[in-house]
């Protein structure tokens, strides 16, 4: 199960290179349900995600999904990459420790989305997600804005198509 919230950034933390990071490329094979392939450094995965229906869902609440991740070989990844819908997303993900043992996953995009930066936080449970107070360097919450799903971003031809944050 994946429980997350997503935010714009007010200020990128100093000295990003001090934090562990992953070089990520990912593409999508299917939208509903989401079937994604990802290269994260030298690891390769196929991920299946489906939304969990939530009664009384409201603005400012987390996105909750069932998620299954399976390892791939490099060869399988490259073969599936040929079958992806539209563009491949390229980003560097910095893993920044924050309060309560949580990690801010700061995504700095490259290639067609160069200049886009946002942060996600994954939570152990829904109560933690709903009670979360973001650090000051976080900006506007983007969790419920579908334009910031990686699937949506993978369909863009450039950052100018995203519009205002």
C-alpha atoms as a PDB file:
ATOM      1  CA  UNK A   1       0.000   0.000   0.000  1.00  0.00           C
ATOM      2  CA  UNK A   2       1.262   3.469  -0.909  1.00  0.00           C
ATOM      3  CA  UNK A   3       0.043   6.505   1.048  1.00  0.00           C
ATOM      4  CA  UNK A   4       1.529   9.810  -0.127  1.00  0.00           C
ATOM      5  CA  UNK A   5       1.183  13.577  -0.289  1.00  0.00           C
ATOM      6  CA  UNK A   6       2.846  15.852  -2.834  1.00  0.00           C
ATOM      7  CA  UNK A   7       3.967  19.509  -2.597  1.00  0.00           C
ATOM      8  CA  UNK A   8       5.494  22.326  -4.619  1.00  0.00           C
ATOM      9  CA  UNK A   9       8.721  23.774  -3.224  1.00  0.00           C
ATOM     10  CA  UNK A  10       9.231  27.183  -1.603  1.00  0.00           C
ATOM     11  CA  UNK A  11      13.011  26.744  -1.392  1.00  0.00           C
ATOM     12  CA  UNK A  12      15.230  23.847  -2.427  1.00  0.00           C
ATOM     13  CA  UNK A  13      17.374  22.734   0.532  1.00  0.00           C
ATOM     14  CA  UNK A  14      21.051  23.707   0.391  1.00  0.00           C
ATOM     15  CA  UNK A  15      23.738  21.152  -0.492  1.00  0.00           C
ATOM     16  CA  UNK A  16      21.463  18.565  -2.128  1.00  0.00           C
ATOM     17  CA  UNK A  17      24.452  16.358  -2.934  1.00  0.00           C
ATOM     18  CA  UNK A  18      24.851  15.589   0.797  1.00  0.00           C
ATOM     19  CA  UNK A  19      21.682  13.469   0.627  1.00  0.00           C
ATOM     20  CA  UNK A  20      21.361  10.030  -0.933  1.00  0.00           C
ATOM     21  CA  UNK A  21      19.821  10.210  -4.389  1.00  0.00           C
ATOM     22  CA  UNK A  22      18.599   8.028  -7.226  1.00  0.00           C
ATOM     23  CA  UNK A  23      18.791   8.651 -10.957  1.00  0.00           C
ATOM     24  CA  UNK A  24      15.369   7.592 -12.228  1.00  0.00           C
ATOM     25  CA  UNK A  25      13.854   7.041 -15.636  1.00  0.00           C
ATOM     26  CA  UNK A  26      10.347   5.705 -15.973  1.00  0.00           C
ATOM     27  CA  UNK A  27       7.658   5.112 -18.543  1.00  0.00           C
ATOM     28  CA  UNK A  28       4.085   3.881 -18.587  1.00  0.00           C
ATOM     29  CA  UNK A  29       2.623   0.803 -20.258  1.00  0.00           C
ATOM     30  CA  UNK A  30      -0.954   1.414 -19.095  1.00  0.00           C
ATOM     31  CA  UNK A  31      -2.949   4.128 -17.320  1.00  0.00           C
ATOM     32  CA  UNK A  32      -5.912   2.357 -15.766  1.00  0.00           C
ATOM     33  CA  UNK A  33      -4.637   0.561 -13.793  1.00  0.00           C
ATOM     34  CA  UNK A  34      -1.196   2.174 -13.791  1.00  0.00           C
ATOM     35  CA  UNK A  35       1.532  -0.144 -15.042  1.00  0.00           C
ATOM     36  CA  UNK A  36       4.940   1.500 -14.964  1.00  0.00           C
ATOM     37  CA  UNK A  37       8.523   0.504 -15.639  1.00  0.00           C
ATOM     38  CA  UNK A  38      11.342   2.233 -13.787  1.00  0.00           C
ATOM     39  CA  UNK A  39      15.115   2.270 -13.790  1.00  0.00           C
ATOM     40  CA  UNK A  40      16.405   3.513 -10.426  1.00  0.00           C
ATOM     41  CA  UNK A  41      20.207   3.728 -10.529  1.00  0.00           C
ATOM     42  CA  UNK A  42      21.065   0.164 -11.633  1.00  0.00           C
ATOM     43  CA  UNK A  43      17.821  -1.479 -10.487  1.00  0.00           C
ATOM     44  CA  UNK A  44      14.846  -2.178 -12.761  1.00  0.00           C
ATOM     45  CA  UNK A  45      11.178  -2.608 -11.780  1.00  0.00           C
ATOM     46  CA  UNK A  46       7.693  -3.158 -13.121  1.00  0.00           C
ATOM     47  CA  UNK A  47       5.086  -1.537 -10.879  1.00  0.00           C
ATOM     48  CA  UNK A  48       1.313  -2.016 -10.810  1.00  0.00           C
ATOM     49  CA  UNK A  49      -0.754   0.625  -8.977  1.00  0.00           C
ATOM     50  CA  UNK A  50      -4.476   0.871  -8.401  1.00  0.00           C
ATOM     51  CA  UNK A  51      -6.318   3.493  -6.377  1.00  0.00           C
ATOM     52  CA  UNK A  52      -8.045   2.497  -3.182  1.00  0.00           C
ATOM     53  CA  UNK A  53     -11.577   3.944  -3.129  1.00  0.00           C
ATOM     54  CA  UNK A  54     -11.917   6.249  -0.128  1.00  0.00           C
ATOM     55  CA  UNK A  55     -15.240   7.391   1.236  1.00  0.00           C
ATOM     56  CA  UNK A  56     -15.320  11.024   2.332  1.00  0.00           C
ATOM     57  CA  UNK A  57     -12.071  11.842   0.481  1.00  0.00           C
ATOM     58  CA  UNK A  58     -11.312  15.556   0.719  1.00  0.00           C
ATOM     59  CA  UNK A  59      -8.834  18.166  -0.450  1.00  0.00           C
ATOM     60  CA  UNK A  60      -5.579  17.879   1.485  1.00  0.00           C
ATOM     61  CA  UNK A  61      -5.877  14.166   2.093  1.00  0.00           C
ATOM     62  CA  UNK A  62      -3.355  11.609   0.918  1.00  0.00           C
ATOM     63  CA  UNK A  63      -3.529   9.517  -2.216  1.00  0.00           C
ATOM     64  CA  UNK A  64      -3.785   5.862  -1.267  1.00  0.00           C
ATOM     65  CA  UNK A  65      -2.983   3.114  -3.762  1.00  0.00           C
ATOM     66  CA  UNK A  66      -2.403  -0.593  -3.804  1.00  0.00           C
ATOM     67  CA  UNK A  67       1.081  -1.094  -5.208  1.00  0.00           C
ATOM     68  CA  UNK A  68       2.936  -4.182  -6.355  1.00  0.00           C
ATOM     69  CA  UNK A  69       6.553  -3.881  -7.491  1.00  0.00           C
ATOM     70  CA  UNK A  70       8.406  -6.643  -9.312  1.00  0.00           C
ATOM     71  CA  UNK A  71      12.099  -6.713 -10.237  1.00  0.00           C
ATOM     72  CA  UNK A  72      13.067  -6.750 -13.916  1.00  0.00           C
ATOM     73  CA  UNK A  73      16.293  -7.563 -15.705  1.00  0.00           C
ATOM     74  CA  UNK A  74      17.933  -4.783 -17.684  1.00  0.00           C
ATOM     75  CA  UNK A  75      17.033  -6.650 -20.888  1.00  0.00           C
ATOM     76  CA  UNK A  76      13.358  -6.947 -19.919  1.00  0.00           C
ATOM     77  CA  UNK A  77      13.291  -3.260 -18.966  1.00  0.00           C
ATOM     78  CA  UNK A  78      14.774  -2.202 -22.324  1.00  0.00           C
ATOM     79  CA  UNK A  79      12.276  -4.365 -24.218  1.00  0.00           C
ATOM     80  CA  UNK A  80       9.312  -2.960 -22.275  1.00  0.00           C
ATOM     81  CA  UNK A  81      10.648   0.585 -22.672  1.00  0.00           C
ATOM     82  CA  UNK A  82       9.914   0.268 -26.401  1.00  0.00           C
ATOM     83  CA  UNK A  83       6.227  -0.281 -25.519  1.00  0.00           C
ATOM     84  CA  UNK A  84       5.730   2.718 -23.223  1.00  0.00           C
ATOM     85  CA  UNK A  85       3.079   5.347 -23.826  1.00  0.00           C
ATOM     86  CA  UNK A  86       4.670   8.592 -24.996  1.00  0.00           C
ATOM     87  CA  UNK A  87       7.663  10.073 -23.159  1.00  0.00           C
ATOM     88  CA  UNK A  88      10.093   8.676 -20.637  1.00  0.00           C
ATOM     89  CA  UNK A  89      10.439  10.762 -17.463  1.00  0.00           C
ATOM     90  CA  UNK A  90      13.975  11.541 -16.266  1.00  0.00           C
ATOM     91  CA  UNK A  91      14.559  12.832 -12.741  1.00  0.00           C
ATOM     92  CA  UNK A  92      16.932  12.822  -9.814  1.00  0.00           C
ATOM     93  CA  UNK A  93      15.251  11.903  -6.535  1.00  0.00           C
ATOM     94  CA  UNK A  94      16.926  13.210  -3.377  1.00  0.00           C
ATOM     95  CA  UNK A  95      16.023  11.420  -0.123  1.00  0.00           C
ATOM     96  CA  UNK A  96      15.896  14.052   2.619  1.00  0.00           C
ATOM     97  CA  UNK A  97      15.121  13.053   6.225  1.00  0.00           C
ATOM     98  CA  UNK A  98      12.370  15.102   7.878  1.00  0.00           C
ATOM     99  CA  UNK A  99      10.360  14.828  11.129  1.00  0.00           C
ATOM    100  CA  UNK A 100       8.912  11.651  12.633  1.00  0.00           C
ATOM    101  CA  UNK A 101      11.279   9.364  10.713  1.00  0.00           C
ATOM    102  CA  UNK A 102       9.722  10.390   7.389  1.00  0.00           C
ATOM    103  CA  UNK A 103      11.624  11.061   4.178  1.00  0.00           C
ATOM    104  CA  UNK A 104      10.991  13.878   1.718  1.00  0.00           C
ATOM    105  CA  UNK A 105      11.540  12.579  -1.825  1.00  0.00           C
ATOM    106  CA  UNK A 106      12.580  15.687  -3.750  1.00  0.00           C
ATOM    107  CA  UNK A 107      12.220  15.113  -7.500  1.00  0.00           C
ATOM    108  CA  UNK A 108      14.292  17.332  -9.803  1.00  0.00           C
ATOM    109  CA  UNK A 109      13.192  16.647 -13.376  1.00  0.00           C
ATOM    110  CA  UNK A 110      15.359  16.688 -16.487  1.00  0.00           C
ATOM    111  CA  UNK A 111      14.961  16.434 -20.258  1.00  0.00           C
ATOM    112  CA  UNK A 112      11.522  17.647 -21.452  1.00  0.00           C
ATOM    113  CA  UNK A 113      10.510  18.559 -17.881  1.00  0.00           C
ATOM    114  CA  UNK A 114      13.740  20.344 -16.900  1.00  0.00           C
ATOM    115  CA  UNK A 115      12.925  23.034 -14.329  1.00  0.00           C
ATOM    116  CA  UNK A 116      10.122  21.115 -12.617  1.00  0.00           C
ATOM    117  CA  UNK A 117      10.756  20.301  -8.955  1.00  0.00           C
ATOM    118  CA  UNK A 118       8.368  18.928  -6.351  1.00  0.00           C
ATOM    119  CA  UNK A 119       8.455  16.767  -3.250  1.00  0.00           C
ATOM    120  CA  UNK A 120       6.514  13.693  -2.125  1.00  0.00           C
ATOM    121  CA  UNK A 121       6.252  12.133   1.307  1.00  0.00           C
ATOM    122  CA  UNK A 122       5.123   8.534   1.833  1.00  0.00           C
ATOM    123  CA  UNK A 123       3.440   7.633   5.101  1.00  0.00           C
ATOM    124  CA  UNK A 124       3.061   4.437   7.118  1.00  0.00           C
ATOM    125  CA  UNK A 125      -0.685   5.008   7.584  1.00  0.00           C
ATOM    126  CA  UNK A 126      -3.535   7.371   6.742  1.00  0.00           C
ATOM    127  CA  UNK A 127      -3.545   9.050  10.177  1.00  0.00           C
ATOM    128  CA  UNK A 128       0.127  10.023   9.793  1.00  0.00           C
ATOM    129  CA  UNK A 129      -0.606  11.432   6.347  1.00  0.00           C
ATOM    130  CA  UNK A 130      -3.614  13.432   7.495  1.00  0.00           C
ATOM    131  CA  UNK A 131      -1.779  14.817  10.560  1.00  0.00           C
ATOM    132  CA  UNK A 132       1.367  15.779   8.646  1.00  0.00           C
ATOM    133  CA  UNK A 133       2.645  19.355   9.030  1.00  0.00           C
ATOM    134  CA  UNK A 134       4.975  20.104   6.125  1.00  0.00           C
ATOM    135  CA  UNK A 135       8.339  21.808   6.713  1.00  0.00           C
ATOM    136  CA  UNK A 136       8.639  25.478   5.729  1.00  0.00           C
ATOM    137  CA  UNK A 137      10.600  24.663   2.580  1.00  0.00           C
ATOM    138  CA  UNK A 138       7.521  22.844   1.221  1.00  0.00           C
ATOM    139  CA  UNK A 139       5.082  24.961  -0.777  1.00  0.00           C
ATOM    140  CA  UNK A 140       1.523  24.538  -2.027  1.00  0.00           C
ATOM    141  CA  UNK A 141       0.039  21.053  -1.721  1.00  0.00           C
ATOM    142  CA  UNK A 142      -0.290  19.315  -5.096  1.00  0.00           C
ATOM    143  CA  UNK A 143      -1.610  15.930  -3.959  1.00  0.00           C
ATOM    144  CA  UNK A 144      -5.034  16.278  -5.575  1.00  0.00           C
ATOM    145  CA  UNK A 145      -3.786  18.120  -8.689  1.00  0.00           C
ATOM    146  CA  UNK A 146      -3.690  15.435 -11.389  1.00  0.00           C
ATOM    147  CA  UNK A 147      -1.225  17.471 -13.476  1.00  0.00           C
ATOM    148  CA  UNK A 148       1.512  16.395 -11.080  1.00  0.00           C
ATOM    149  CA  UNK A 149       1.018  12.669 -11.420  1.00  0.00           C
ATOM    150  CA  UNK A 150       4.017  11.159 -13.149  1.00  0.00           C
ATOM    151  CA  UNK A 151       1.684   9.498 -15.652  1.00  0.00           C
ATOM    152  CA  UNK A 152       0.239  12.881 -16.677  1.00  0.00           C
ATOM    153  CA  UNK A 153       3.733  14.374 -16.845  1.00  0.00           C
ATOM    154  CA  UNK A 154       4.834  11.534 -19.140  1.00  0.00           C
ATOM    155  CA  UNK A 155       2.296  12.712 -21.748  1.00  0.00           C
ATOM    156  CA  UNK A 156       3.647  16.272 -21.950  1.00  0.00           C
ATOM    157  CA  UNK A 157       5.892  17.476 -24.759  1.00  0.00           C
ATOM    158  CA  UNK A 158       7.427  20.138 -22.513  1.00  0.00           C
ATOM    159  CA  UNK A 159       7.103  21.974 -19.234  1.00  0.00           C
ATOM    160  CA  UNK A 160       5.174  24.844 -20.859  1.00  0.00           C
ATOM    161  CA  UNK A 161       2.159  22.512 -21.251  1.00  0.00           C
ATOM    162  CA  UNK A 162       1.873  22.134 -17.460  1.00  0.00           C
ATOM    163  CA  UNK A 163       0.530  25.637 -16.807  1.00  0.00           C
ATOM    164  CA  UNK A 164       0.720  27.572 -13.542  1.00  0.00           C
ATOM    165  CA  UNK A 165       1.448  25.843 -10.253  1.00  0.00           C
END
